Amino acid sequence: MLMRPVRTAVIPAGGLGTRFLPFTRAIPKELLPLVDTPVIALVVEACAAAGIERIVIVGAPGKGVLASYFGPSPRLERRLESEGRTAELEQLRRAEQLAELHFVEQG
């Protein structure tokens, strides 16, 4: 039997985060930090390190900030570039370069 490598991961991120209230009223639980990195970023990094090329994050309505976290931020990038803050700029861009990310809203 020929085994094909797994190239796509689906990350369920649709819950309300009620165990983390009141923080999750304003911030999705997936963006809460584990030390200095949002949990969802650690999951995406682990997937990318395992060879996953495409990641689908299934979120709930109102969690558009998840896509924003992984997307480009031109205004912030320009600011960091103009101030010569290359390490922070690389860190900012790293999230969006880990894998092909897709965001789906669960009804």
PDB file of N, CA and C in Angstrom:
ATOM      1  N   MET A   1       0.831  -1.175   0.000  1.00  0.00           N
ATOM      2  CA  MET A   1       0.000   0.000   0.000  1.00  0.00           C
ATOM      3  C   MET A   1       0.883   1.247   0.000  1.00  0.00           C
ATOM      4  N   LEU A   2       0.652   2.122  -0.946  1.00  0.00           N
ATOM      5  CA  LEU A   2       1.440   3.345  -1.088  1.00  0.00           C
ATOM      6  C   LEU A   2       0.921   4.416  -0.129  1.00  0.00           C
ATOM      7  N   MET A   3       1.791   4.914   0.736  1.00  0.00           N
ATOM      8  CA  MET A   3       1.414   5.961   1.687  1.00  0.00           C
ATOM      9  C   MET A   3       1.813   7.315   1.109  1.00  0.00           C
ATOM     10  N   ARG A   4       0.853   8.199   1.002  1.00  0.00           N
ATOM     11  CA  ARG A   4       1.131   9.544   0.513  1.00  0.00           C
ATOM     12  C   ARG A   4       1.287  10.480   1.705  1.00  0.00           C
ATOM     13  N   PRO A   5       2.222  11.399   1.626  1.00  0.00           N
ATOM     14  CA  PRO A   5       2.431  12.305   2.756  1.00  0.00           C
ATOM     15  C   PRO A   5       1.233  13.234   2.967  1.00  0.00           C
ATOM     16  N   VAL A   6       0.993  13.553   4.210  1.00  0.00           N
ATOM     17  CA  VAL A   6      -0.069  14.492   4.552  1.00  0.00           C
ATOM     18  C   VAL A   6       0.436  15.895   4.268  1.00  0.00           C
ATOM     19  N   ARG A   7      -0.312  16.665   3.511  1.00  0.00           N
ATOM     20  CA  ARG A   7       0.108  18.019   3.142  1.00  0.00           C
ATOM     21  C   ARG A   7      -0.866  19.086   3.619  1.00  0.00           C
ATOM     22  N   THR A   8      -2.041  18.670   4.122  1.00  0.00           N
ATOM     23  CA  THR A   8      -3.060  19.612   4.570  1.00  0.00           C
ATOM     24  C   THR A   8      -3.467  19.299   5.996  1.00  0.00           C
ATOM     25  N   ALA A   9      -3.581  20.342   6.802  1.00  0.00           N
ATOM     26  CA  ALA A   9      -4.060  20.191   8.182  1.00  0.00           C
ATOM     27  C   ALA A   9      -5.292  21.063   8.367  1.00  0.00           C
ATOM     28  N   VAL A  10      -6.221  20.582   9.167  1.00  0.00           N
ATOM     29  CA  VAL A  10      -7.416  21.349   9.523  1.00  0.00           C
ATOM     30  C   VAL A  10      -7.346  21.602  11.024  1.00  0.00           C
ATOM     31  N   ILE A  11      -7.383  22.867  11.399  1.00  0.00           N
ATOM     32  CA  ILE A  11      -7.301  23.245  12.810  1.00  0.00           C
ATOM     33  C   ILE A  11      -8.650  23.800  13.242  1.00  0.00           C
ATOM     34  N   PRO A  12      -9.352  23.091  14.121  1.00  0.00           N
ATOM     35  CA  PRO A  12     -10.633  23.613  14.618  1.00  0.00           C
ATOM     36  C   PRO A  12     -10.380  24.727  15.643  1.00  0.00           C
ATOM     37  N   ALA A  13     -10.927  25.896  15.381  1.00  0.00           N
ATOM     38  CA  ALA A  13     -10.718  27.048  16.268  1.00  0.00           C
ATOM     39  C   ALA A  13     -12.021  27.831  16.419  1.00  0.00           C
ATOM     40  N   GLY A  14     -13.118  27.104  16.531  1.00  0.00           N
ATOM     41  CA  GLY A  14     -14.418  27.765  16.531  1.00  0.00           C
ATOM     42  C   GLY A  14     -15.076  27.956  17.880  1.00  0.00           C
ATOM     43  N   GLY A  15     -14.484  27.445  18.930  1.00  0.00           N
ATOM     44  CA  GLY A  15     -15.112  27.541  20.244  1.00  0.00           C
ATOM     45  C   GLY A  15     -15.151  28.959  20.790  1.00  0.00           C
ATOM     46  N   LEU A  16     -15.933  29.133  21.827  1.00  0.00           N
ATOM     47  CA  LEU A  16     -16.109  30.461  22.424  1.00  0.00           C
ATOM     48  C   LEU A  16     -15.065  30.792  23.481  1.00  0.00           C
ATOM     49  N   GLY A  17     -14.343  29.824  23.960  1.00  0.00           N
ATOM     50  CA  GLY A  17     -13.319  30.085  24.955  1.00  0.00           C
ATOM     51  C   GLY A  17     -13.871  30.457  26.321  1.00  0.00           C
ATOM     52  N   THR A  18     -14.981  29.851  26.694  1.00  0.00           N
ATOM     53  CA  THR A  18     -15.643  30.228  27.944  1.00  0.00           C
ATOM     54  C   THR A  18     -14.794  29.944  29.183  1.00  0.00           C
ATOM     55  N   ARG A  19     -13.882  28.998  29.104  1.00  0.00           N
ATOM     56  CA  ARG A  19     -13.035  28.709  30.270  1.00  0.00           C
ATOM     57  C   ARG A  19     -12.019  29.813  30.525  1.00  0.00           C
ATOM     58  N   PHE A  20     -11.815  30.683  29.547  1.00  0.00           N
ATOM     59  CA  PHE A  20     -10.834  31.758  29.699  1.00  0.00           C
ATOM     60  C   PHE A  20     -11.484  33.127  29.868  1.00  0.00           C
ATOM     61  N   LEU A  21     -12.784  33.137  30.156  1.00  0.00           N
ATOM     62  CA  LEU A  21     -13.449  34.416  30.390  1.00  0.00           C
ATOM     63  C   LEU A  21     -12.825  35.103  31.607  1.00  0.00           C
ATOM     64  N   PRO A  22     -12.722  36.388  31.658  1.00  0.00           N
ATOM     65  CA  PRO A  22     -13.277  37.374  30.742  1.00  0.00           C
ATOM     66  C   PRO A  22     -12.356  37.737  29.576  1.00  0.00           C
ATOM     67  N   PHE A  23     -11.143  37.186  29.527  1.00  0.00           N
ATOM     68  CA  PHE A  23     -10.197  37.538  28.469  1.00  0.00           C
ATOM     69  C   PHE A  23     -10.760  37.308  27.070  1.00  0.00           C
ATOM     70  N   THR A  24     -11.473  36.199  26.905  1.00  0.00           N
ATOM     71  CA  THR A  24     -11.938  35.816  25.576  1.00  0.00           C
ATOM     72  C   THR A  24     -13.152  36.610  25.104  1.00  0.00           C
ATOM     73  N   ARG A  25     -13.610  37.536  25.911  1.00  0.00           N
ATOM     74  CA  ARG A  25     -14.648  38.464  25.411  1.00  0.00           C
ATOM     75  C   ARG A  25     -14.064  39.349  24.323  1.00  0.00           C
ATOM     76  N   ALA A  26     -12.779  39.650  24.423  1.00  0.00           N
ATOM     77  CA  ALA A  26     -12.138  40.572  23.491  1.00  0.00           C
ATOM     78  C   ALA A  26     -11.108  39.896  22.592  1.00  0.00           C
ATOM     79  N   ILE A  27     -10.506  38.829  23.062  1.00  0.00           N
ATOM     80  CA  ILE A  27      -9.428  38.165  22.329  1.00  0.00           C
ATOM     81  C   ILE A  27      -9.778  36.689  22.160  1.00  0.00           C
ATOM     82  N   PRO A  28      -9.777  36.172  20.928  1.00  0.00           N
ATOM     83  CA  PRO A  28     -10.032  34.739  20.752  1.00  0.00           C
ATOM     84  C   PRO A  28      -9.007  33.917  21.526  1.00  0.00           C
ATOM     85  N   LYS A  29      -9.439  32.813  22.087  1.00  0.00           N
ATOM     86  CA  LYS A  29      -8.546  31.983  22.906  1.00  0.00           C
ATOM     87  C   LYS A  29      -7.315  31.539  22.130  1.00  0.00           C
ATOM     88  N   GLU A  30      -7.437  31.386  20.839  1.00  0.00           N
ATOM     89  CA  GLU A  30      -6.311  30.946  20.014  1.00  0.00           C
ATOM     90  C   GLU A  30      -5.186  31.975  19.983  1.00  0.00           C
ATOM     91  N   LEU A  31      -5.500  33.229  20.268  1.00  0.00           N
ATOM     92  CA  LEU A  31      -4.486  34.270  20.266  1.00  0.00           C
ATOM     93  C   LEU A  31      -3.926  34.564  21.651  1.00  0.00           C
ATOM     94  N   LEU A  32      -4.412  33.862  22.663  1.00  0.00           N
ATOM     95  CA  LEU A  32      -3.823  34.029  23.990  1.00  0.00           C
ATOM     96  C   LEU A  32      -2.397  33.483  23.935  1.00  0.00           C
ATOM     97  N   PRO A  33      -1.467  34.170  24.589  1.00  0.00           N
ATOM     98  CA  PRO A  33      -0.061  33.759  24.482  1.00  0.00           C
ATOM     99  C   PRO A  33       0.311  32.599  25.400  1.00  0.00           C
ATOM    100  N   LEU A  34       1.197  31.785  24.910  1.00  0.00           N
ATOM    101  CA  LEU A  34       1.889  30.792  25.709  1.00  0.00           C
ATOM    102  C   LEU A  34       3.302  31.361  25.811  1.00  0.00           C
ATOM    103  N   VAL A  35       3.629  31.938  26.914  1.00  0.00           N
ATOM    104  CA  VAL A  35       4.820  32.749  27.156  1.00  0.00           C
ATOM    105  C   VAL A  35       4.717  33.999  26.282  1.00  0.00           C
ATOM    106  N   ASP A  36       5.310  34.013  25.071  1.00  0.00           N
ATOM    107  CA  ASP A  36       5.292  35.208  24.241  1.00  0.00           C
ATOM    108  C   ASP A  36       4.765  34.973  22.827  1.00  0.00           C
ATOM    109  N   THR A  37       4.131  33.822  22.613  1.00  0.00           N
ATOM    110  CA  THR A  37       3.645  33.479  21.274  1.00  0.00           C
ATOM    111  C   THR A  37       2.206  32.981  21.369  1.00  0.00           C
ATOM    112  N   PRO A  38       1.316  33.499  20.508  1.00  0.00           N
ATOM    113  CA  PRO A  38      -0.061  33.003  20.522  1.00  0.00           C
ATOM    114  C   PRO A  38      -0.099  31.492  20.249  1.00  0.00           C
ATOM    115  N   VAL A  39      -0.986  30.805  20.937  1.00  0.00           N
ATOM    116  CA  VAL A  39      -1.095  29.353  20.826  1.00  0.00           C
ATOM    117  C   VAL A  39      -1.306  28.928  19.372  1.00  0.00           C
ATOM    118  N   ILE A  40      -2.149  29.633  18.641  1.00  0.00           N
ATOM    119  CA  ILE A  40      -2.423  29.249  17.246  1.00  0.00           C
ATOM    120  C   ILE A  40      -1.151  29.320  16.393  1.00  0.00           C
ATOM    121  N   ALA A  41      -0.273  30.267  16.687  1.00  0.00           N
ATOM    122  CA  ALA A  41       0.986  30.373  15.947  1.00  0.00           C
ATOM    123  C   ALA A  41       1.872  29.162  16.222  1.00  0.00           C
ATOM    124  N   LEU A  42       1.876  28.685  17.459  1.00  0.00           N
ATOM    125  CA  LEU A  42       2.666  27.499  17.788  1.00  0.00           C
ATOM    126  C   LEU A  42       2.134  26.267  17.062  1.00  0.00           C
ATOM    127  N   VAL A  43       0.814  26.156  16.956  1.00  0.00           N
ATOM    128  CA  VAL A  43       0.206  25.029  16.243  1.00  0.00           C
ATOM    129  C   VAL A  43       0.562  25.093  14.759  1.00  0.00           C
ATOM    130  N   VAL A  44       0.456  26.272  14.164  1.00  0.00           N
ATOM    131  CA  VAL A  44       0.791  26.444  12.744  1.00  0.00           C
ATOM    132  C   VAL A  44       2.272  26.164  12.512  1.00  0.00           C
ATOM    133  N   GLU A  45       3.131  26.633  13.399  1.00  0.00           N
ATOM    134  CA  GLU A  45       4.571  26.363  13.274  1.00  0.00           C
ATOM    135  C   GLU A  45       4.858  24.864  13.349  1.00  0.00           C
ATOM    136  N   ALA A  46       4.186  24.161  14.256  1.00  0.00           N
ATOM    137  CA  ALA A  46       4.385  22.711  14.379  1.00  0.00           C
ATOM    138  C   ALA A  46       3.929  21.987  13.111  1.00  0.00           C
ATOM    139  N   CYS A  47       2.815  22.425  12.550  1.00  0.00           N
ATOM    140  CA  CYS A  47       2.330  21.829  11.301  1.00  0.00           C
ATOM    141  C   CYS A  47       3.341  22.048  10.177  1.00  0.00           C
ATOM    142  N   ALA A  48       3.824  23.268  10.045  1.00  0.00           N
ATOM    143  CA  ALA A  48       4.797  23.590   8.989  1.00  0.00           C
ATOM    144  C   ALA A  48       6.078  22.776   9.174  1.00  0.00           C
ATOM    145  N   ALA A  49       6.536  22.631  10.407  1.00  0.00           N
ATOM    146  CA  ALA A  49       7.748  21.856  10.680  1.00  0.00           C
ATOM    147  C   ALA A  49       7.565  20.380  10.330  1.00  0.00           C
ATOM    148  N   ALA A  50       6.316  19.903  10.376  1.00  0.00           N
ATOM    149  CA  ALA A  50       6.024  18.506  10.045  1.00  0.00           C
ATOM    150  C   ALA A  50       5.830  18.290   8.544  1.00  0.00           C
ATOM    151  N   GLY A  51       5.972  19.348   7.759  1.00  0.00           N
ATOM    152  CA  GLY A  51       5.846  19.221   6.312  1.00  0.00           C
ATOM    153  C   GLY A  51       4.481  19.573   5.759  1.00  0.00           C
ATOM    154  N   ILE A  52       3.606  20.083   6.602  1.00  0.00           N
ATOM    155  CA  ILE A  52       2.282  20.502   6.138  1.00  0.00           C
ATOM    156  C   ILE A  52       2.441  21.763   5.301  1.00  0.00           C
ATOM    157  N   GLU A  53       1.838  21.776   4.127  1.00  0.00           N
ATOM    158  CA  GLU A  53       1.960  22.914   3.217  1.00  0.00           C
ATOM    159  C   GLU A  53       0.713  23.794   3.198  1.00  0.00           C
ATOM    160  N   ARG A  54      -0.432  23.212   3.527  1.00  0.00           N
ATOM    161  CA  ARG A  54      -1.710  23.929   3.471  1.00  0.00           C
ATOM    162  C   ARG A  54      -2.423  23.734   4.796  1.00  0.00           C
ATOM    163  N   ILE A  55      -2.844  24.844   5.412  1.00  0.00           N
ATOM    164  CA  ILE A  55      -3.514  24.775   6.704  1.00  0.00           C
ATOM    165  C   ILE A  55      -4.850  25.494   6.606  1.00  0.00           C
ATOM    166  N   VAL A  56      -5.897  24.802   7.012  1.00  0.00           N
ATOM    167  CA  VAL A  56      -7.239  25.374   7.042  1.00  0.00           C
ATOM    168  C   VAL A  56      -7.606  25.594   8.503  1.00  0.00           C
ATOM    169  N   ILE A  57      -7.864  26.843   8.860  1.00  0.00           N
ATOM    170  CA  ILE A  57      -8.265  27.166  10.224  1.00  0.00           C
ATOM    171  C   ILE A  57      -9.763  27.442  10.200  1.00  0.00           C
ATOM    172  N   VAL A  58     -10.507  26.645  10.949  1.00  0.00           N
ATOM    173  CA  VAL A  58     -11.963  26.770  11.002  1.00  0.00           C
ATOM    174  C   VAL A  58     -12.311  27.565  12.255  1.00  0.00           C
ATOM    175  N   GLY A  59     -12.802  28.777  12.049  1.00  0.00           N
ATOM    176  CA  GLY A  59     -13.130  29.657  13.168  1.00  0.00           C
ATOM    177  C   GLY A  59     -14.614  29.948  13.243  1.00  0.00           C
ATOM    178  N   ALA A  60     -14.994  30.613  14.295  1.00  0.00           N
ATOM    179  CA  ALA A  60     -16.389  31.003  14.509  1.00  0.00           C
ATOM    180  C   ALA A  60     -16.605  32.426  14.004  1.00  0.00           C
ATOM    181  N   PRO A  61     -17.857  32.828  13.821  1.00  0.00           N
ATOM    182  CA  PRO A  61     -18.124  34.223  13.461  1.00  0.00           C
ATOM    183  C   PRO A  61     -17.501  35.160  14.502  1.00  0.00           C
ATOM    184  N   GLY A  62     -16.915  36.242  14.029  1.00  0.00           N
ATOM    185  CA  GLY A  62     -16.287  37.203  14.924  1.00  0.00           C
ATOM    186  C   GLY A  62     -14.828  36.925  15.205  1.00  0.00           C
ATOM    187  N   LYS A  63     -14.266  35.907  14.564  1.00  0.00           N
ATOM    188  CA  LYS A  63     -12.854  35.588  14.783  1.00  0.00           C
ATOM    189  C   LYS A  63     -11.993  35.954  13.575  1.00  0.00           C
ATOM    190  N   GLY A  64     -12.387  37.002  12.879  1.00  0.00           N
ATOM    191  CA  GLY A  64     -11.616  37.466  11.733  1.00  0.00           C
ATOM    192  C   GLY A  64     -10.217  37.914  12.110  1.00  0.00           C
ATOM    193  N   VAL A  65     -10.022  38.207  13.380  1.00  0.00           N
ATOM    194  CA  VAL A  65      -8.713  38.633  13.843  1.00  0.00           C
ATOM    195  C   VAL A  65      -7.679  37.512  13.691  1.00  0.00           C
ATOM    196  N   LEU A  66      -8.116  36.266  13.626  1.00  0.00           N
ATOM    197  CA  LEU A  66      -7.183  35.155  13.380  1.00  0.00           C
ATOM    198  C   LEU A  66      -6.524  35.315  12.014  1.00  0.00           C
ATOM    199  N   ALA A  67      -7.322  35.612  11.009  1.00  0.00           N
ATOM    200  CA  ALA A  67      -6.773  35.833   9.668  1.00  0.00           C
ATOM    201  C   ALA A  67      -5.879  37.069   9.658  1.00  0.00           C
ATOM    202  N   SER A  68      -6.260  38.090  10.402  1.00  0.00           N
ATOM    203  CA  SER A  68      -5.447  39.302  10.478  1.00  0.00           C
ATOM    204  C   SER A  68      -4.081  39.016  11.089  1.00  0.00           C
ATOM    205  N   TYR A  69      -4.050  38.156  12.080  1.00  0.00           N
ATOM    206  CA  TYR A  69      -2.779  37.833  12.729  1.00  0.00           C
ATOM    207  C   TYR A  69      -1.779  37.256  11.726  1.00  0.00           C
ATOM    208  N   PHE A  70      -2.255  36.395  10.841  1.00  0.00           N
ATOM    209  CA  PHE A  70      -1.372  35.730   9.890  1.00  0.00           C
ATOM    210  C   PHE A  70      -1.197  36.501   8.588  1.00  0.00           C
ATOM    211  N   GLY A  71      -1.941  37.569   8.391  1.00  0.00           N
ATOM    212  CA  GLY A  71      -1.867  38.318   7.145  1.00  0.00           C
ATOM    213  C   GLY A  71      -0.862  39.450   7.185  1.00  0.00           C
ATOM    214  N   PRO A  72      -0.631  40.059   6.037  1.00  0.00           N
ATOM    215  CA  PRO A  72       0.299  41.187   5.972  1.00  0.00           C
ATOM    216  C   PRO A  72      -0.252  42.400   6.715  1.00  0.00           C
ATOM    217  N   SER A  73       0.659  43.236   7.164  1.00  0.00           N
ATOM    218  CA  SER A  73       0.308  44.471   7.867  1.00  0.00           C
ATOM    219  C   SER A  73       1.172  45.589   7.294  1.00  0.00           C
ATOM    220  N   PRO A  74       0.799  46.089   6.112  1.00  0.00           N
ATOM    221  CA  PRO A  74       1.650  47.047   5.399  1.00  0.00           C
ATOM    222  C   PRO A  74       2.044  48.277   6.224  1.00  0.00           C
ATOM    223  N   ARG A  75       1.112  48.833   6.955  1.00  0.00           N
ATOM    224  CA  ARG A  75       1.413  50.043   7.730  1.00  0.00           C
ATOM    225  C   ARG A  75       2.469  49.766   8.803  1.00  0.00           C
ATOM    226  N   LEU A  76       2.288  48.679   9.527  1.00  0.00           N
ATOM    227  CA  LEU A  76       3.245  48.311  10.561  1.00  0.00           C
ATOM    228  C   LEU A  76       4.591  47.936   9.947  1.00  0.00           C
ATOM    229  N   GLU A  77       4.568  47.233   8.812  1.00  0.00           N
ATOM    230  CA  GLU A  77       5.812  46.855   8.136  1.00  0.00           C
ATOM    231  C   GLU A  77       6.592  48.091   7.699  1.00  0.00           C
ATOM    232  N   ARG A  78       5.894  49.070   7.130  1.00  0.00           N
ATOM    233  CA  ARG A  78       6.565  50.315   6.727  1.00  0.00           C
ATOM    234  C   ARG A  78       7.209  51.005   7.920  1.00  0.00           C
ATOM    235  N   ARG A  79       6.505  51.027   9.034  1.00  0.00           N
ATOM    236  CA  ARG A  79       7.019  51.678  10.251  1.00  0.00           C
ATOM    237  C   ARG A  79       8.284  50.982  10.739  1.00  0.00           C
ATOM    238  N   LEU A  80       8.234  49.652  10.814  1.00  0.00           N
ATOM    239  CA  LEU A  80       9.403  48.904  11.278  1.00  0.00           C
ATOM    240  C   LEU A  80      10.584  49.083  10.324  1.00  0.00           C
ATOM    241  N   GLU A  81      10.302  49.075   9.016  1.00  0.00           N
ATOM    242  CA  GLU A  81      11.365  49.286   8.022  1.00  0.00           C
ATOM    243  C   GLU A  81      11.999  50.659   8.187  1.00  0.00           C
ATOM    244  N   SER A  82      11.177  51.679   8.346  1.00  0.00           N
ATOM    245  CA  SER A  82      11.701  53.049   8.456  1.00  0.00           C
ATOM    246  C   SER A  82      12.532  53.244   9.722  1.00  0.00           C
ATOM    247  N   GLU A  83      12.257  52.461  10.752  1.00  0.00           N
ATOM    248  CA  GLU A  83      12.992  52.558  12.007  1.00  0.00           C
ATOM    249  C   GLU A  83      14.154  51.569  12.075  1.00  0.00           C
ATOM    250  N   GLY A  84      14.342  50.782  10.999  1.00  0.00           N
ATOM    251  CA  GLY A  84      15.439  49.830  10.953  1.00  0.00           C
ATOM    252  C   GLY A  84      15.283  48.658  11.909  1.00  0.00           C
ATOM    253  N   ARG A  85      14.068  48.326  12.250  1.00  0.00           N
ATOM    254  CA  ARG A  85      13.790  47.242  13.204  1.00  0.00           C
ATOM    255  C   ARG A  85      13.594  45.932  12.443  1.00  0.00           C
ATOM    256  N   THR A  86      14.685  45.440  11.868  1.00  0.00           N
ATOM    257  CA  THR A  86      14.610  44.288  10.974  1.00  0.00           C
ATOM    258  C   THR A  86      14.236  42.987  11.693  1.00  0.00           C
ATOM    259  N   ALA A  87      14.700  42.796  12.911  1.00  0.00           N
ATOM    260  CA  ALA A  87      14.368  41.563  13.632  1.00  0.00           C
ATOM    261  C   ALA A  87      12.864  41.468  13.873  1.00  0.00           C
ATOM    262  N   GLU A  88      12.256  42.568  14.285  1.00  0.00           N
ATOM    263  CA  GLU A  88      10.813  42.577  14.520  1.00  0.00           C
ATOM    264  C   GLU A  88      10.049  42.428  13.208  1.00  0.00           C
ATOM    265  N   LEU A  89      10.572  43.019  12.140  1.00  0.00           N
ATOM    266  CA  LEU A  89       9.945  42.907  10.825  1.00  0.00           C
ATOM    267  C   LEU A  89       9.960  41.456  10.350  1.00  0.00           C
ATOM    268  N   GLU A  90      11.086  40.778  10.533  1.00  0.00           N
ATOM    269  CA  GLU A  90      11.171  39.367  10.154  1.00  0.00           C
ATOM    270  C   GLU A  90      10.206  38.522  10.974  1.00  0.00           C
ATOM    271  N   GLN A  91      10.112  38.808  12.259  1.00  0.00           N
ATOM    272  CA  GLN A  91       9.188  38.073  13.123  1.00  0.00           C
ATOM    273  C   GLN A  91       7.745  38.299  12.684  1.00  0.00           C
ATOM    274  N   LEU A  92       7.412  39.521  12.327  1.00  0.00           N
ATOM    275  CA  LEU A  92       6.070  39.853  11.869  1.00  0.00           C
ATOM    276  C   LEU A  92       5.726  39.104  10.586  1.00  0.00           C
ATOM    277  N   ARG A  93       6.654  39.051   9.662  1.00  0.00           N
ATOM    278  CA  ARG A  93       6.410  38.404   8.368  1.00  0.00           C
ATOM    279  C   ARG A  93       6.463  36.879   8.448  1.00  0.00           C
ATOM    280  N   ARG A  94       7.106  36.342   9.464  1.00  0.00           N
ATOM    281  CA  ARG A  94       7.270  34.893   9.585  1.00  0.00           C
ATOM    282  C   ARG A  94       5.934  34.159   9.635  1.00  0.00           C
ATOM    283  N   ALA A  95       4.990  34.683  10.370  1.00  0.00           N
ATOM    284  CA  ALA A  95       3.696  34.014  10.537  1.00  0.00           C
ATOM    285  C   ALA A  95       3.016  33.757   9.199  1.00  0.00           C
ATOM    286  N   GLU A  96       3.058  34.727   8.298  1.00  0.00           N
ATOM    287  CA  GLU A  96       2.359  34.575   7.023  1.00  0.00           C
ATOM    288  C   GLU A  96       3.130  33.728   6.019  1.00  0.00           C
ATOM    289  N   GLN A  97       4.374  33.415   6.300  1.00  0.00           N
ATOM    290  CA  GLN A  97       5.192  32.645   5.366  1.00  0.00           C
ATOM    291  C   GLN A  97       5.325  31.171   5.727  1.00  0.00           C
ATOM    292  N   LEU A  98       4.726  30.751   6.826  1.00  0.00           N
ATOM    293  CA  LEU A  98       4.890  29.375   7.296  1.00  0.00           C
ATOM    294  C   LEU A  98       4.241  28.348   6.386  1.00  0.00           C
ATOM    295  N   ALA A  99       3.049  28.672   5.890  1.00  0.00           N
ATOM    296  CA  ALA A  99       2.304  27.719   5.067  1.00  0.00           C
ATOM    297  C   ALA A  99       1.217  28.498   4.317  1.00  0.00           C
ATOM    298  N   GLU A 100       0.582  27.811   3.405  1.00  0.00           N
ATOM    299  CA  GLU A 100      -0.576  28.380   2.704  1.00  0.00           C
ATOM    300  C   GLU A 100      -1.760  28.286   3.671  1.00  0.00           C
ATOM    301  N   LEU A 101      -2.231  29.431   4.148  1.00  0.00           N
ATOM    302  CA  LEU A 101      -3.279  29.447   5.155  1.00  0.00           C
ATOM    303  C   LEU A 101      -4.631  29.808   4.551  1.00  0.00           C
ATOM    304  N   HIS A 102      -5.664  29.087   4.976  1.00  0.00           N
ATOM    305  CA  HIS A 102      -7.031  29.365   4.559  1.00  0.00           C
ATOM    306  C   HIS A 102      -7.889  29.462   5.819  1.00  0.00           C
ATOM    307  N   PHE A 103      -8.826  30.377   5.803  1.00  0.00           N
ATOM    308  CA  PHE A 103      -9.696  30.572   6.955  1.00  0.00           C
ATOM    309  C   PHE A 103     -11.143  30.340   6.534  1.00  0.00           C
ATOM    310  N   VAL A 104     -11.815  29.512   7.309  1.00  0.00           N
ATOM    311  CA  VAL A 104     -13.211  29.151   7.032  1.00  0.00           C
ATOM    312  C   VAL A 104     -14.020  29.498   8.265  1.00  0.00           C
ATOM    313  N   GLU A 105     -15.192  30.102   8.042  1.00  0.00           N
ATOM    314  CA  GLU A 105     -16.062  30.430   9.173  1.00  0.00           C
ATOM    315  C   GLU A 105     -17.098  29.335   9.364  1.00  0.00           C
ATOM    316  N   GLN A 106     -17.117  28.777  10.559  1.00  0.00           N
ATOM    317  CA  GLN A 106     -18.090  27.744  10.899  1.00  0.00           C
ATOM    318  C   GLN A 106     -19.406  28.399  11.280  1.00  0.00           C
ATOM    319  N   GLY A 107     -20.500  27.903  10.775  1.00  0.00           N
ATOM    320  CA  GLY A 107     -21.810  28.454  11.081  1.00  0.00           C
ATOM    321  C   GLY A 107     -22.263  28.148  12.479  1.00  0.00           C
TER     322      GLY A 107
END
